[in-house]
Amino acid sequence: MTDAQDLCLLPAVELARRLRARELSARELLAVSLARVDAVNPAVNALVTRDDVRARQRAGELDEQMMRTGAVGPLHGLPIAHKDLLPTAGLRTTWGSTLYADTVPTKDAVLAARVFDAGAVRLGKTNVPEFGVGSQTTNALFGSTRNPYDLALTSGGSSGGAAAALATGMVALADGSDMGGSLRNPASFCNVFGLRPTPGRVPNLPANDAWFDLTVLGPMGRCAADAALLLSAISGPDPADPYATMTDRVDFAAPLDRDFTGVRVAWGGPLGLPFDRQVLEAFDRARPGVEQLGVQLTEAEPDLRGADAAFRVLRGWHLATTIGDVVEAAGDEVVDIVRENVAYGRTVTATQLAAALQQRTLLLQRAQEFFTRHRFLLMPVSQVLPFGVDTRWVREVAGEPMADYLGWMRSAYLISVLRVPAASVPAGFTAAGLPVGLQVIGRPGDDLGVLQFCHALEQVFAAGDRRPDVAVLGTVSHRGSAPVDPVNG
C-alpha cells in the first residue's frame, strides 16, 4: 500500500489511472492532499487561498458520478490549484495585491472552467508576485513562497506558488502563466515540469488586451506526461481569443513515447548572456543524456538581435495600458517595481511601438529559418540558481551587473518573443542540491513534439548517474528521493 507522502508525489497520470480503475477514490486522494497542505504549506507558503469545503463536496460528487456512469473527464478527481492571477468564480482572486485582497469573481476564467469540466478538484489559489510582475514570488498581502529544496531561497515566479505546491505534493497539477519566464523559471527552481505553449494553444481569457500574445497560460506538473494531460483539457479554440484558433486536433493525453533517432537538435550557446557557472556545468552534464536519444546534436543558436529591446517595449506598453490607471491611482500601495514598469510603459511612443513590432517580425522570420534546420533548441532555463527569498532581484550574474530586475531573466524572455513552445524539464542538481532545468524549445505549434522530447529526456536523465551532485531527474535530491519536507527536515 502506497503511504500518504508517496501517493502525493506520484505523477498525475498514475493518479488518474488509479482513479479510473477505482483503486483510489476522489475523496481518498483529496483527504491525503489536504493533509499534505496542512503539513507543508505553513513552511513553503504556496497556497494562499484554500477551498476545502467545496473541494470535499466536489470530490464526493465525483465519486458518486464514477459509480453511476464513470469518470467525468481526463482530470477526474485530480487535485489542482489555480494561479492567483486567474479569475475563479466564488473563490478569492487577488492578483497578489492588497488592492484586491477581498475580490471574489463571479465567473471562471476559460482555463478554470475547462479544468472543472474535465473533472478536477480545485484546492485553492497559488501565490504570485503583485500583478504577476517579476520572477520572485513575494507580495505584501501573503508574503514569500519558499523553495522546497532550501527554505532560505525563492521558488521563482511568477508561478512560484504553483511550482512549490507541485514539488511538495500538495497538488497533482497546477496552471501557470508566462510572459518572460514566469512559468519556466519556477519550474526550473523547484524541479518540476512547465510548458509555455505556443500562443493560442490555450485561450488566455478573460483579457484586457486579447491581441497581446507575449503572455500565455500553460500547464505545470511533475513530469511531461502530467503537463500533457492538463493541456489536453485546457487547449482548444475559443472565438473570444483571436489567437486561439488552432484547428489541429492534437491528442495530448496519448502516450508520449517517440523515437528521436536522427532528429536534428541545436545545442544552444549562451546567447551572449552571462550565466552562473553552476548553471552551465549542469547544462553540460545533461548533454550525454541528450546524446543517448540518438539525435543529431549540433552547436547552434538563433539570431536574437533586437529581441531584448522589442520585449521590453512591448511589455512596458502592455503593463501601462492594462494596469497603468489602477497602479498610478494606488500610488505607494503598489510595490515600486510595478510602479516603475508602468512609468516606463507610459513613455513608450507610437514610433517605438511600431519599431518593436517590426523588429519582432524580423525575429520571427529568423526563427522560422532556424527551425527549418533544427527540430529543437536546448539551453538553460535561467541564468542563475535559486537565490535568497528576501532578495528582490539578482543584481549580478557571473560578475556582470544587472541594470534592472529583468536582466537575469533574459535567457527565458528572449525566447518568448519568438511565439514558440518552450518547456522547462528537470535536468539535475548542483553539488549543493539545487535543481536546474533544461529549456526545450520547439517549432511554432509543435507543443506535442516538445512534450514528447521532454518525456524522452526524462527517461534518460532518470537512468543516469544517481549521485546527488550529477544530473538526475526525479530520483534523488540532496536529502532524499523528494524535495526536502519542510516539516520533517
Protein backbone atom coordinates (compact mmCIF):
# COMPACT_ATOMS: atom_id res chain seq x y z
CA MET A 1 0.00 0.00 0.00
CA THR A 2 1.41 3.39 -1.01
CA ASP A 3 1.85 5.64 2.01
CA ALA A 4 0.33 9.12 2.02
CA GLN A 5 3.50 11.03 1.16
CA ASP A 6 4.38 8.72 -1.73
CA LEU A 7 0.82 8.98 -3.03
CA CYS A 8 1.02 12.76 -3.07
CA LEU A 9 4.22 12.66 -5.10
CA LEU A 10 3.02 10.21 -7.76
CA PRO A 11 2.65 11.58 -11.30
CA ALA A 12 -0.81 12.87 -12.09
CA VAL A 13 -1.12 10.34 -14.92
CA GLU A 14 -0.67 7.48 -12.43
CA LEU A 15 -3.16 9.01 -10.02
CA ALA A 16 -5.62 9.42 -12.91
CA ARG A 17 -5.19 5.75 -13.81
CA ARG A 18 -5.87 4.64 -10.24
CA LEU A 19 -8.93 6.86 -10.03
CA ARG A 20 -10.36 5.49 -13.29
CA ALA A 21 -9.61 1.92 -12.20
CA ARG A 22 -11.37 2.63 -8.87
CA GLU A 23 -8.23 1.69 -6.96
CA LEU A 24 -8.48 5.14 -5.39
CA SER A 25 -11.41 7.45 -4.80
CA ALA A 26 -11.51 11.20 -5.24
CA ARG A 27 -12.38 11.53 -1.54
CA GLU A 28 -9.36 9.48 -0.50
CA LEU A 29 -6.96 11.42 -2.70
CA LEU A 30 -8.37 14.74 -1.53
CA ALA A 31 -8.00 13.78 2.13
CA VAL A 32 -4.35 12.90 1.61
CA SER A 33 -3.74 16.09 -0.38
CA LEU A 34 -5.33 18.35 2.22
CA ALA A 35 -3.31 16.67 4.96
CA ARG A 36 -0.20 17.35 2.91
CA VAL A 37 -1.20 21.01 2.57
CA ASP A 38 -1.69 21.24 6.33
CA ALA A 39 1.74 19.75 6.96
CA VAL A 40 3.81 21.56 4.34
CA ASN A 41 2.16 24.80 3.31
CA PRO A 42 2.90 26.74 6.52
CA ALA A 43 6.59 26.44 5.68
CA VAL A 44 6.59 27.00 1.91
CA ASN A 45 3.56 29.32 1.63
CA ALA A 46 2.48 28.11 -1.81
CA LEU A 47 -1.32 28.03 -1.40
CA VAL A 48 -2.66 31.40 -0.28
CA THR A 49 -6.41 30.77 -0.55
CA ARG A 50 -7.98 27.39 0.18
CA ASP A 51 -11.29 25.95 -0.94
CA ASP A 52 -11.60 22.93 1.36
CA VAL A 53 -15.38 22.85 1.81
CA ARG A 54 -16.22 22.94 -1.87
CA ALA A 55 -13.32 20.60 -2.64
CA ARG A 56 -14.79 17.96 -0.33
CA GLN A 57 -18.23 18.44 -1.85
CA ARG A 58 -16.77 18.17 -5.34
CA ALA A 59 -14.83 15.00 -4.54
CA GLY A 60 -17.95 13.37 -3.15
CA GLU A 61 -19.94 14.27 -6.27
CA LEU A 62 -17.19 12.88 -8.49
CA ASP A 63 -17.12 9.59 -6.60
CA GLU A 64 -20.88 9.25 -6.97
CA GLN A 65 -20.62 10.06 -10.67
CA MET A 66 -17.90 7.45 -11.07
CA MET A 67 -20.16 4.81 -9.57
CA ARG A 68 -23.05 5.79 -11.85
CA THR A 69 -21.50 6.46 -15.26
CA GLY A 70 -17.71 6.52 -14.94
CA ALA A 71 -15.13 9.27 -14.99
CA VAL A 72 -16.30 12.83 -15.69
CA GLY A 73 -13.25 13.66 -17.80
CA PRO A 74 -9.48 13.24 -18.16
CA LEU A 75 -8.77 15.06 -14.88
CA HIS A 76 -11.38 13.19 -12.84
CA GLY A 77 -10.61 13.53 -9.14
CA LEU A 78 -7.17 15.14 -9.52
CA PRO A 79 -6.35 17.92 -7.01
CA ILE A 80 -5.38 21.17 -8.73
CA ALA A 81 -4.70 24.76 -7.71
CA HIS A 82 -5.05 27.84 -9.89
CA LYS A 83 -2.59 30.70 -10.08
CA ASP A 84 -3.86 33.76 -8.20
CA LEU A 85 -3.91 35.77 -11.42
CA LEU A 86 -6.67 33.55 -12.83
CA PRO A 87 -10.27 34.56 -12.03
CA THR A 88 -12.19 31.81 -10.23
CA ALA A 89 -15.92 32.05 -9.59
CA GLY A 90 -16.77 32.21 -5.90
CA LEU A 91 -13.13 32.00 -4.81
CA ARG A 92 -10.95 34.97 -3.91
CA THR A 93 -8.64 36.21 -6.67
CA THR A 94 -6.20 38.90 -5.53
CA TRP A 95 -3.55 39.21 -8.26
CA GLY A 96 -1.15 39.27 -5.30
CA SER A 97 -2.20 42.81 -4.42
CA THR A 98 -3.67 44.36 -1.32
CA LEU A 99 -5.88 46.38 -3.68
CA TYR A 100 -7.84 43.20 -4.44
CA ALA A 101 -7.50 41.40 -1.11
CA ASP A 102 -11.22 40.63 -0.91
CA THR A 103 -12.13 40.34 -4.59
CA VAL A 104 -14.32 37.35 -5.44
CA PRO A 105 -15.06 36.96 -9.17
CA THR A 106 -18.46 35.77 -10.33
CA LYS A 107 -17.19 33.93 -13.39
CA ASP A 108 -14.41 31.44 -14.04
CA ALA A 109 -11.62 32.13 -16.49
CA VAL A 110 -11.87 29.85 -19.52
CA LEU A 111 -9.00 27.70 -18.26
CA ALA A 112 -10.60 27.24 -14.83
CA ALA A 113 -13.93 26.33 -16.42
CA ARG A 114 -12.30 23.75 -18.67
CA VAL A 115 -10.43 22.20 -15.75
CA PHE A 116 -13.70 21.89 -13.83
CA ASP A 117 -15.46 20.32 -16.81
CA ALA A 118 -12.59 17.83 -17.09
CA GLY A 119 -13.29 16.61 -13.54
CA ALA A 120 -10.53 18.19 -11.44
CA VAL A 121 -10.92 19.10 -7.76
CA ARG A 122 -9.96 22.71 -7.01
CA LEU A 123 -7.97 23.07 -3.79
CA GLY A 124 -7.35 26.83 -3.96
CA LYS A 125 -5.07 29.52 -5.36
CA THR A 126 -1.27 29.67 -5.62
CA ASN A 127 0.90 32.62 -4.66
CA VAL A 128 2.25 35.20 -7.14
CA PRO A 129 4.19 38.47 -7.06
CA GLU A 130 1.97 41.55 -7.21
CA PHE A 131 0.17 41.60 -10.58
CA GLY A 132 2.47 38.76 -11.64
CA VAL A 133 5.31 41.19 -12.28
CA GLY A 134 8.73 39.63 -11.77
CA SER A 135 10.22 36.20 -11.15
CA GLN A 136 10.33 36.35 -7.34
CA THR A 137 7.08 35.21 -5.73
CA THR A 138 6.52 37.66 -2.89
CA ASN A 139 3.90 40.29 -2.13
CA ALA A 140 2.66 42.48 0.71
CA LEU A 141 -0.58 40.54 1.02
CA PHE A 142 0.67 36.97 1.53
CA GLY A 143 4.44 37.17 1.85
CA SER A 144 7.00 34.99 0.08
CA THR A 145 6.81 31.47 -1.30
CA ARG A 146 9.89 29.47 -0.35
CA ASN A 147 11.83 26.90 -2.34
CA PRO A 148 11.11 23.33 -1.18
CA TYR A 149 14.75 22.38 -1.70
CA ASP A 150 16.04 25.18 0.52
CA LEU A 151 13.60 27.29 2.52
CA ALA A 152 16.03 30.20 2.58
CA LEU A 153 15.69 30.54 -1.20
CA THR A 154 13.00 31.68 -3.61
CA SER A 155 10.72 29.40 -5.60
CA GLY A 156 10.99 31.77 -8.57
CA GLY A 157 7.99 33.36 -10.16
CA SER A 158 5.56 34.47 -11.06
CA SER A 159 4.20 30.90 -10.93
CA GLY A 160 6.30 30.23 -7.83
CA GLY A 161 3.37 29.13 -5.69
CA ALA A 162 2.29 26.62 -8.34
CA ALA A 163 5.79 25.15 -8.67
CA ALA A 164 6.30 24.81 -4.91
CA ALA A 165 2.87 23.21 -4.45
CA LEU A 166 3.68 20.62 -7.11
CA ALA A 167 7.16 19.90 -5.81
CA THR A 168 5.89 19.21 -2.30
CA GLY A 169 2.94 17.05 -3.37
CA MET A 170 0.17 19.41 -2.30
CA VAL A 171 -1.47 19.20 -5.73
CA ALA A 172 -1.24 16.83 -8.68
CA LEU A 173 -1.45 19.58 -11.31
CA ALA A 174 -1.24 23.36 -11.49
CA ASP A 175 -1.56 26.06 -14.09
CA GLY A 176 0.91 28.84 -14.70
CA SER A 177 1.34 31.82 -16.96
CA ASP A 178 4.41 33.04 -18.76
CA MET A 179 5.43 36.32 -20.34
CA GLY A 180 9.14 36.48 -19.64
CA GLY A 181 9.75 33.13 -17.96
CA SER A 182 7.10 33.20 -15.22
CA LEU A 183 6.24 29.55 -15.79
CA ARG A 184 9.67 28.22 -16.83
CA ASN A 185 11.84 29.85 -14.13
CA PRO A 186 9.89 28.48 -11.13
CA ALA A 187 9.66 25.06 -12.75
CA SER A 188 13.46 25.08 -13.03
CA PHE A 189 13.94 26.36 -9.48
CA CYS A 190 11.59 23.76 -7.96
CA ASN A 191 12.42 20.66 -10.03
CA VAL A 192 9.03 20.33 -11.73
CA PHE A 193 7.89 20.46 -15.34
CA GLY A 194 6.37 23.50 -17.00
CA LEU A 195 5.34 24.22 -20.59
CA ARG A 196 4.96 27.64 -22.16
CA PRO A 197 2.71 26.65 -25.09
CA THR A 198 2.56 28.25 -28.49
CA PRO A 199 0.42 31.42 -28.17
CA GLY A 200 -3.16 30.46 -28.96
CA ARG A 201 -2.87 26.85 -27.84
CA VAL A 202 -4.64 27.74 -24.56
CA PRO A 203 -7.19 30.59 -24.62
CA ASN A 204 -5.99 33.47 -22.45
CA LEU A 205 -9.35 34.71 -21.29
CA PRO A 206 -10.52 36.98 -19.83
CA ALA A 207 -8.05 39.53 -21.14
CA ASN A 208 -7.87 43.31 -21.20
CA ASP A 209 -5.94 43.12 -24.47
CA ALA A 210 -6.71 39.94 -26.39
CA TRP A 211 -4.18 40.87 -29.09
CA PHE A 212 -1.19 40.80 -26.75
CA ASP A 213 0.43 37.39 -27.25
CA LEU A 214 3.60 37.56 -25.15
CA THR A 215 1.66 36.23 -22.15
CA VAL A 216 0.38 32.66 -22.39
CA LEU A 217 -1.28 30.24 -19.97
CA GLY A 218 0.20 26.79 -19.65
CA PRO A 219 0.32 23.50 -17.73
CA MET A 220 2.64 22.51 -14.89
CA GLY A 221 3.17 19.03 -13.46
CA ARG A 222 5.74 16.71 -12.00
CA CYS A 223 6.62 15.36 -15.46
CA ALA A 224 5.92 15.98 -19.15
CA ALA A 225 3.07 13.46 -19.24
CA ASP A 226 1.33 15.30 -16.41
CA ALA A 227 1.56 18.59 -18.29
CA ALA A 228 0.29 16.91 -21.43
CA LEU A 229 -2.69 15.54 -19.52
CA LEU A 230 -3.60 19.01 -18.27
CA LEU A 231 -3.01 20.51 -21.71
CA SER A 232 -5.48 18.00 -23.16
CA ALA A 233 -8.16 19.62 -21.00
CA ILE A 234 -7.30 23.31 -21.35
CA SER A 235 -6.26 23.61 -25.01
CA GLY A 236 -8.55 24.25 -27.94
CA PRO A 237 -10.14 27.15 -29.83
CA ASP A 238 -12.23 29.92 -28.32
CA PRO A 239 -13.80 32.59 -30.53
CA ALA A 240 -13.13 35.34 -27.96
CA ASP A 241 -9.36 34.84 -28.22
CA PRO A 242 -8.08 35.91 -31.67
CA TYR A 243 -5.05 33.61 -31.34
CA ALA A 244 -6.92 30.56 -30.01
CA THR A 245 -7.94 29.44 -33.48
CA MET A 246 -5.77 26.34 -33.85
CA THR A 247 -7.88 23.71 -35.58
CA ASP A 248 -5.34 20.89 -35.43
CA ARG A 249 -6.71 18.14 -33.22
CA VAL A 250 -3.84 17.06 -31.01
CA ASP A 251 -4.28 14.16 -28.60
CA PHE A 252 -2.06 15.45 -25.81
CA ALA A 253 -3.32 12.74 -23.44
CA ALA A 254 -1.94 9.93 -25.62
CA PRO A 255 1.34 8.22 -24.64
CA LEU A 256 4.33 10.46 -25.35
CA ASP A 257 6.77 7.71 -26.34
CA ARG A 258 8.59 8.51 -29.59
CA ASP A 259 11.87 7.63 -31.31
CA PHE A 260 14.08 10.69 -31.88
CA THR A 261 16.92 8.92 -33.66
CA GLY A 262 18.42 11.22 -36.29
CA VAL A 263 16.38 14.27 -35.33
CA ARG A 264 18.41 17.48 -35.66
CA VAL A 265 18.72 19.27 -32.31
CA ALA A 266 20.57 22.53 -31.62
CA TRP A 267 22.75 22.67 -28.51
CA GLY A 268 22.39 26.36 -27.74
CA GLY A 269 25.11 28.71 -26.67
CA PRO A 270 24.87 31.44 -24.03
CA LEU A 271 23.26 33.93 -26.46
CA GLY A 272 25.84 36.47 -25.36
CA LEU A 273 24.40 36.43 -21.83
CA PRO A 274 26.16 35.86 -18.51
CA PHE A 275 25.33 32.59 -16.72
CA ASP A 276 26.16 31.34 -13.27
CA ARG A 277 28.99 28.82 -13.59
CA GLN A 278 26.99 26.11 -11.82
CA VAL A 279 24.12 26.52 -14.28
CA LEU A 280 26.45 25.99 -17.23
CA GLU A 281 28.05 22.99 -15.53
CA ALA A 282 24.64 21.39 -15.00
CA PHE A 283 23.78 22.14 -18.64
CA ASP A 284 26.95 20.39 -19.80
CA ARG A 285 26.23 17.39 -17.58
CA ALA A 286 22.87 16.99 -19.30
CA ARG A 287 24.45 16.63 -22.74
CA PRO A 288 25.33 12.90 -22.56
CA GLY A 289 21.70 12.16 -21.73
CA VAL A 290 20.53 14.09 -24.79
CA GLU A 291 23.03 12.22 -26.96
CA GLN A 292 21.64 8.89 -25.71
CA LEU A 293 18.49 9.63 -27.69
CA GLY A 294 20.45 9.26 -30.93
CA VAL A 295 19.76 12.78 -32.11
CA GLN A 296 21.97 14.79 -34.45
CA LEU A 297 23.25 17.32 -31.93
CA THR A 298 24.87 20.44 -33.34
CA GLU A 299 26.02 23.61 -31.62
CA ALA A 300 23.84 26.45 -32.88
CA GLU A 301 21.72 29.31 -31.62
CA PRO A 302 19.18 31.59 -33.30
CA ASP A 303 19.88 35.21 -34.17
CA LEU A 304 18.11 37.11 -31.41
CA ARG A 305 19.47 40.58 -32.10
CA GLY A 306 16.81 43.12 -31.17
CA ALA A 307 14.75 40.68 -29.10
CA ASP A 308 15.66 42.34 -25.80
CA ALA A 309 14.55 45.82 -26.86
CA ALA A 310 11.41 44.53 -28.56
CA PHE A 311 10.36 42.57 -25.48
CA ARG A 312 10.90 45.46 -23.11
CA VAL A 313 8.96 47.93 -25.24
CA LEU A 314 6.03 45.59 -25.83
CA ARG A 315 5.92 44.52 -22.19
CA GLY A 316 6.12 48.07 -20.84
CA TRP A 317 3.43 49.30 -23.19
CA HIS A 318 1.17 46.38 -22.24
CA LEU A 319 1.54 46.95 -18.49
CA ALA A 320 0.88 50.67 -18.86
CA THR A 321 -2.25 50.17 -20.95
CA THR A 322 -3.75 47.34 -18.88
CA ILE A 323 -2.95 48.10 -15.22
CA GLY A 324 -1.49 51.59 -15.52
CA ASP A 325 -4.50 53.57 -14.32
CA VAL A 326 -5.04 51.33 -11.28
CA VAL A 327 -1.37 51.38 -10.33
CA GLU A 328 -1.00 55.13 -10.65
CA ALA A 329 -4.14 55.75 -8.62
CA ALA A 330 -2.93 53.43 -5.85
CA GLY A 331 0.48 55.07 -5.51
CA ASP A 332 2.61 53.56 -2.73
CA GLU A 333 0.04 50.83 -2.09
CA VAL A 334 1.61 49.05 -5.07
CA VAL A 335 5.18 47.74 -4.97
CA ASP A 336 7.79 50.01 -6.54
CA ILE A 337 8.82 47.51 -9.24
CA VAL A 338 5.30 47.55 -10.68
CA ARG A 339 5.08 51.34 -10.48
CA GLU A 340 8.41 51.71 -12.25
CA ASN A 341 7.35 49.36 -15.04
CA VAL A 342 4.13 51.25 -15.57
CA ALA A 343 6.02 54.55 -15.57
CA TYR A 344 8.35 53.21 -18.25
CA GLY A 345 5.41 51.94 -20.28
CA ARG A 346 3.87 55.42 -20.23
CA THR A 347 6.96 56.73 -22.03
CA VAL A 348 6.66 54.30 -24.96
CA THR A 349 5.82 56.23 -28.12
CA ALA A 350 3.92 55.07 -31.17
CA THR A 351 7.20 55.16 -33.09
CA GLN A 352 8.90 52.90 -30.54
CA LEU A 353 5.96 50.52 -30.52
CA ALA A 354 5.94 50.27 -34.31
CA ALA A 355 9.68 49.67 -34.36
CA ALA A 356 9.34 46.90 -31.77
CA LEU A 357 6.64 45.19 -33.82
CA GLN A 358 8.73 45.44 -36.97
CA GLN A 359 11.76 44.06 -35.15
CA ARG A 360 9.69 41.21 -33.83
CA THR A 361 8.59 40.40 -37.37
CA LEU A 362 12.25 40.04 -38.36
CA LEU A 363 12.88 37.86 -35.33
CA LEU A 364 10.01 35.56 -36.27
CA GLN A 365 11.37 35.25 -39.79
CA ARG A 366 14.85 34.39 -38.50
CA ALA A 367 13.41 31.88 -36.04
CA GLN A 368 11.40 30.23 -38.81
CA GLU A 369 14.58 29.76 -40.82
CA PHE A 370 16.44 28.42 -37.79
CA PHE A 371 13.74 25.85 -37.03
CA THR A 372 13.68 24.59 -40.61
CA ARG A 373 17.21 23.33 -39.88
CA HIS A 374 16.67 22.22 -36.26
CA ARG A 375 13.68 20.49 -34.70
CA PHE A 376 14.53 21.62 -31.17
CA LEU A 377 16.79 24.12 -29.42
CA LEU A 378 18.24 23.28 -26.00
CA MET A 379 19.59 25.81 -23.49
CA PRO A 380 19.43 26.56 -19.76
CA VAL A 381 16.13 27.92 -18.47
CA SER A 382 17.57 30.52 -16.12
CA GLN A 383 20.88 32.33 -15.95
CA VAL A 384 21.07 31.80 -12.17
CA LEU A 385 20.27 29.30 -9.44
CA PRO A 386 17.50 29.90 -6.89
CA PHE A 387 18.52 32.95 -4.86
CA GLY A 388 17.67 34.32 -1.42
CA VAL A 389 13.98 34.54 -0.59
CA ASP A 390 14.50 38.11 0.67
CA THR A 391 16.43 39.19 -2.45
CA ARG A 392 14.23 41.42 -4.57
CA TRP A 393 16.10 40.63 -7.76
CA VAL A 394 19.50 39.42 -8.92
CA ARG A 395 21.97 42.31 -9.10
CA GLU A 396 24.91 40.46 -10.67
CA VAL A 397 25.41 37.37 -12.80
CA ALA A 398 28.89 35.92 -13.29
CA GLY A 399 30.42 39.24 -12.32
CA GLU A 400 28.26 41.26 -14.72
CA PRO A 401 25.98 43.86 -13.06
CA MET A 402 22.30 43.70 -13.99
CA ALA A 403 20.95 47.10 -14.97
CA ASP A 404 17.47 46.26 -13.69
CA TYR A 405 15.42 43.40 -12.29
CA LEU A 406 14.68 41.98 -15.76
CA GLY A 407 18.34 41.44 -16.64
CA TRP A 408 18.77 37.98 -15.16
CA MET A 409 15.66 36.64 -16.93
CA ARG A 410 16.82 37.19 -20.49
CA SER A 411 17.51 33.52 -21.23
CA ALA A 412 13.76 32.98 -20.88
CA TYR A 413 12.21 36.18 -22.20
CA LEU A 414 14.27 36.37 -25.37
CA ILE A 415 12.57 33.11 -26.34
CA SER A 416 9.10 34.48 -25.50
CA VAL A 417 9.33 36.90 -28.42
CA LEU A 418 9.52 34.04 -30.95
CA ARG A 419 5.98 32.61 -30.50
CA VAL A 420 7.35 29.10 -29.96
CA PRO A 421 6.60 26.44 -27.35
CA ALA A 422 9.26 26.23 -24.63
CA ALA A 423 9.45 23.86 -21.67
CA SER A 424 11.48 23.53 -18.51
CA VAL A 425 12.34 19.90 -17.82
CA PRO A 426 14.20 18.93 -14.62
CA ALA A 427 17.78 18.10 -15.59
CA GLY A 428 19.66 17.62 -12.34
CA PHE A 429 21.09 19.23 -9.25
CA THR A 430 24.10 21.23 -8.23
CA ALA A 431 26.55 19.92 -5.66
CA ALA A 432 24.53 21.79 -3.03
CA GLY A 433 21.34 20.04 -4.14
CA LEU A 434 19.65 22.89 -6.02
CA PRO A 435 17.56 21.97 -9.08
CA VAL A 436 18.48 23.11 -12.59
CA GLY A 437 16.08 22.96 -15.53
CA LEU A 438 16.82 22.35 -19.20
CA GLN A 439 14.91 24.57 -21.63
CA VAL A 440 13.50 22.70 -24.62
CA ILE A 441 12.28 24.99 -27.41
CA GLY A 442 10.38 23.75 -30.44
CA ARG A 443 8.87 24.89 -33.71
CA PRO A 444 5.78 27.13 -33.61
CA GLY A 445 2.76 24.93 -32.97
CA ASP A 446 4.78 21.81 -32.14
CA ASP A 447 3.75 21.67 -28.50
CA LEU A 448 3.28 17.90 -28.75
CA GLY A 449 6.78 17.44 -30.13
CA VAL A 450 8.26 19.42 -27.24
CA LEU A 451 6.34 17.30 -24.73
CA GLN A 452 7.44 14.09 -26.44
CA PHE A 453 11.09 15.16 -26.50
CA CYS A 454 10.96 16.18 -22.83
CA HIS A 455 9.39 12.83 -21.98
CA ALA A 456 12.26 11.06 -23.74
CA LEU A 457 14.78 13.19 -21.86
CA GLU A 458 13.13 12.30 -18.55
CA GLN A 459 13.78 8.63 -19.23
CA VAL A 460 17.49 9.03 -19.93
CA PHE A 461 18.08 11.52 -17.15
CA ALA A 462 16.40 9.18 -14.66
CA ALA A 463 18.59 6.28 -15.83
CA GLY A 464 21.82 8.22 -15.39
CA ASP A 465 24.32 8.60 -12.55
CA ARG A 466 22.36 8.80 -9.30
CA ARG A 467 24.85 10.77 -7.23
CA PRO A 468 23.24 13.92 -5.81
CA ASP A 469 25.78 16.18 -7.50
CA VAL A 470 25.13 14.82 -11.01
CA ALA A 471 22.12 15.39 -13.29
CA VAL A 472 19.42 13.06 -12.01
CA LEU A 473 15.73 13.55 -12.67
CA GLY A 474 13.17 12.75 -10.04
CA THR A 475 15.22 10.14 -8.21
CA VAL A 476 17.38 11.96 -5.68
CA SER A 477 17.75 15.34 -4.14
CA HIS A 478 20.43 16.44 -1.75
CA ARG A 479 18.49 14.86 1.11
CA GLY A 480 16.36 12.11 -0.35
CA SER A 481 14.04 10.96 -3.10
CA ALA A 482 11.81 14.03 -2.99
CA PRO A 483 12.09 17.71 -2.14
CA VAL A 484 13.03 18.39 1.45
CA ASP A 485 9.94 18.10 3.63
CA PRO A 486 9.94 21.44 5.47
CA VAL A 487 8.16 19.85 8.41
CA ASN A 488 10.23 16.71 8.83
CA GLY A 489 13.52 18.26 7.75
